[in-house]
Amino acid sequence: LESGASDGLVQPPDAVIGPLPVVRMSTDEVVRVRNGLPMDLEGRLDGSEATTADQVRCYGPDGTFVGLLRPEGPDGRWHPFRVFPPDTIAPR
């Protein structure tokens, strides 16, 4: 490719999941998600998102995309199912 020809072709991983609800997480929560631990998101989603969302995207305190979570099990806790390692995604 010529210089500049690829501009706009490469998108961040979260570009295709824009419609999913967003959850901002603390540093401690990001560590939990990156270690595969479930999260309680009660009160963190607004309105209809709280009852209809089957996936959420989560971001760290610096705006870095961390991954995707979905509710699993009878307790309804949100479990990470796609997690991106640190230092691979630029903050928004």
C-alpha atoms as a PDB file:
ATOM      1  CA  LEU A   1       0.000   0.000   0.000  1.00  0.00           C
ATOM      2  CA  GLU A   2       1.114   3.492  -0.717  1.00  0.00           C
ATOM      3  CA  SER A   3       1.752   5.825   2.158  1.00  0.00           C
ATOM      4  CA  GLY A   4      -1.582   6.929   3.594  1.00  0.00           C
ATOM      5  CA  ALA A   5      -3.587   4.489   1.437  1.00  0.00           C
ATOM      6  CA  SER A   6      -4.578   2.450   4.469  1.00  0.00           C
ATOM      7  CA  ASP A   7      -5.932   5.417   6.430  1.00  0.00           C
ATOM      8  CA  GLY A   8      -9.468   4.580   7.479  1.00  0.00           C
ATOM      9  CA  LEU A   9      -9.147   0.892   6.614  1.00  0.00           C
ATOM     10  CA  VAL A  10      -7.927  -0.251  10.009  1.00  0.00           C
ATOM     11  CA  GLN A  11     -10.471   0.303  12.753  1.00  0.00           C
ATOM     12  CA  PRO A  12     -10.221  -0.249  16.521  1.00  0.00           C
ATOM     13  CA  PRO A  13     -11.769  -3.528  17.727  1.00  0.00           C
ATOM     14  CA  ASP A  14     -14.696  -1.766  19.357  1.00  0.00           C
ATOM     15  CA  ALA A  15     -15.724   0.064  16.162  1.00  0.00           C
ATOM     16  CA  VAL A  16     -18.197  -2.688  15.208  1.00  0.00           C
ATOM     17  CA  ILE A  17     -19.830  -2.919  18.622  1.00  0.00           C
ATOM     18  CA  GLY A  18     -20.822   0.728  18.950  1.00  0.00           C
ATOM     19  CA  PRO A  19     -24.490   0.007  19.710  1.00  0.00           C
ATOM     20  CA  LEU A  20     -23.695  -2.034  22.838  1.00  0.00           C
ATOM     21  CA  PRO A  21     -24.125  -0.325  26.212  1.00  0.00           C
ATOM     22  CA  VAL A  22     -20.947   1.050  27.805  1.00  0.00           C
ATOM     23  CA  VAL A  23     -19.701   0.405  31.328  1.00  0.00           C
ATOM     24  CA  ARG A  24     -16.792   2.451  32.684  1.00  0.00           C
ATOM     25  CA  MET A  25     -14.694   0.501  35.161  1.00  0.00           C
ATOM     26  CA  SER A  26     -12.228   1.338  37.882  1.00  0.00           C
ATOM     27  CA  THR A  27      -8.674   0.039  37.735  1.00  0.00           C
ATOM     28  CA  ASP A  28      -9.544  -2.722  40.227  1.00  0.00           C
ATOM     29  CA  GLU A  29     -12.541  -3.782  38.116  1.00  0.00           C
ATOM     30  CA  VAL A  30     -10.381  -3.909  34.981  1.00  0.00           C
ATOM     31  CA  VAL A  31      -7.997  -6.279  36.790  1.00  0.00           C
ATOM     32  CA  ARG A  32     -10.948  -8.498  37.753  1.00  0.00           C
ATOM     33  CA  VAL A  33     -12.251  -8.601  34.173  1.00  0.00           C
ATOM     34  CA  ARG A  34      -8.807  -9.334  32.735  1.00  0.00           C
ATOM     35  CA  ASN A  35      -8.572 -12.235  35.183  1.00  0.00           C
ATOM     36  CA  GLY A  36     -11.914 -13.644  34.022  1.00  0.00           C
ATOM     37  CA  LEU A  37     -13.853 -12.831  37.188  1.00  0.00           C
ATOM     38  CA  PRO A  38     -17.572 -11.988  37.058  1.00  0.00           C
ATOM     39  CA  MET A  39     -18.873  -8.504  37.811  1.00  0.00           C
ATOM     40  CA  ASP A  40     -22.051  -7.245  39.443  1.00  0.00           C
ATOM     41  CA  LEU A  41     -23.308  -4.445  37.199  1.00  0.00           C
ATOM     42  CA  GLU A  42     -26.540  -3.758  39.075  1.00  0.00           C
ATOM     43  CA  GLY A  43     -27.299  -0.052  38.870  1.00  0.00           C
ATOM     44  CA  ARG A  44     -24.570   0.509  36.266  1.00  0.00           C
ATOM     45  CA  LEU A  45     -26.855   0.242  33.211  1.00  0.00           C
ATOM     46  CA  ASP A  46     -29.565   2.779  32.476  1.00  0.00           C
ATOM     47  CA  GLY A  47     -33.252   2.225  31.697  1.00  0.00           C
ATOM     48  CA  SER A  48     -34.111  -0.504  29.228  1.00  0.00           C
ATOM     49  CA  GLU A  49     -30.433  -1.440  28.891  1.00  0.00           C
ATOM     50  CA  ALA A  50     -30.607  -2.976  32.340  1.00  0.00           C
ATOM     51  CA  THR A  51     -33.213  -5.526  31.305  1.00  0.00           C
ATOM     52  CA  THR A  52     -32.575  -5.992  27.583  1.00  0.00           C
ATOM     53  CA  ALA A  53     -28.792  -5.915  27.201  1.00  0.00           C
ATOM     54  CA  ASP A  54     -27.231  -9.292  26.535  1.00  0.00           C
ATOM     55  CA  GLN A  55     -23.713  -7.868  26.155  1.00  0.00           C
ATOM     56  CA  VAL A  56     -21.881  -4.755  27.297  1.00  0.00           C
ATOM     57  CA  ARG A  57     -18.551  -3.276  26.337  1.00  0.00           C
ATOM     58  CA  CYS A  58     -16.309  -2.103  29.125  1.00  0.00           C
ATOM     59  CA  TYR A  59     -13.640   0.566  29.272  1.00  0.00           C
ATOM     60  CA  GLY A  60     -11.000   1.336  31.856  1.00  0.00           C
ATOM     61  CA  PRO A  61     -10.699   4.657  33.666  1.00  0.00           C
ATOM     62  CA  ASP A  62      -8.369   5.970  30.946  1.00  0.00           C
ATOM     63  CA  GLY A  63     -10.854   5.105  28.168  1.00  0.00           C
ATOM     64  CA  THR A  64      -9.049   1.958  26.999  1.00  0.00           C
ATOM     65  CA  PHE A  65     -11.358  -0.727  25.609  1.00  0.00           C
ATOM     66  CA  VAL A  66     -11.075  -3.728  27.935  1.00  0.00           C
ATOM     67  CA  GLY A  67     -13.536  -6.226  26.506  1.00  0.00           C
ATOM     68  CA  LEU A  68     -17.069  -7.601  26.384  1.00  0.00           C
ATOM     69  CA  LEU A  69     -19.194  -9.025  29.155  1.00  0.00           C
ATOM     70  CA  ARG A  70     -22.465 -10.965  29.156  1.00  0.00           C
ATOM     71  CA  PRO A  71     -24.755 -12.186  31.935  1.00  0.00           C
ATOM     72  CA  GLU A  72     -24.405 -15.862  32.767  1.00  0.00           C
ATOM     73  CA  GLY A  73     -25.780 -18.215  35.361  1.00  0.00           C
ATOM     74  CA  PRO A  74     -28.636 -17.930  37.813  1.00  0.00           C
ATOM     75  CA  ASP A  75     -27.066 -15.041  39.719  1.00  0.00           C
ATOM     76  CA  GLY A  76     -27.100 -12.809  36.617  1.00  0.00           C
ATOM     77  CA  ARG A  77     -23.541 -11.640  37.158  1.00  0.00           C
ATOM     78  CA  TRP A  78     -21.692 -10.358  34.089  1.00  0.00           C
ATOM     79  CA  HIS A  79     -18.842 -12.534  32.876  1.00  0.00           C
ATOM     80  CA  PRO A  80     -16.049 -11.493  30.518  1.00  0.00           C
ATOM     81  CA  PHE A  81     -16.064 -13.467  27.265  1.00  0.00           C
ATOM     82  CA  ARG A  82     -13.791 -11.327  25.062  1.00  0.00           C
ATOM     83  CA  VAL A  83     -10.940  -9.541  26.803  1.00  0.00           C
ATOM     84  CA  PHE A  84      -8.145  -7.577  25.186  1.00  0.00           C
ATOM     85  CA  PRO A  85      -4.714  -7.519  26.795  1.00  0.00           C
ATOM     86  CA  PRO A  86      -3.386  -4.206  28.070  1.00  0.00           C
ATOM     87  CA  ASP A  87      -1.132  -2.090  25.880  1.00  0.00           C
ATOM     88  CA  THR A  88      -2.651  -3.389  22.652  1.00  0.00           C
ATOM     89  CA  ILE A  89      -5.445  -0.868  22.244  1.00  0.00           C
ATOM     90  CA  ALA A  90      -5.096   2.898  22.260  1.00  0.00           C
ATOM     91  CA  PRO A  91      -7.376   4.825  24.657  1.00  0.00           C
ATOM     92  CA  ARG A  92     -10.327   6.732  23.212  1.00  0.00           C
END
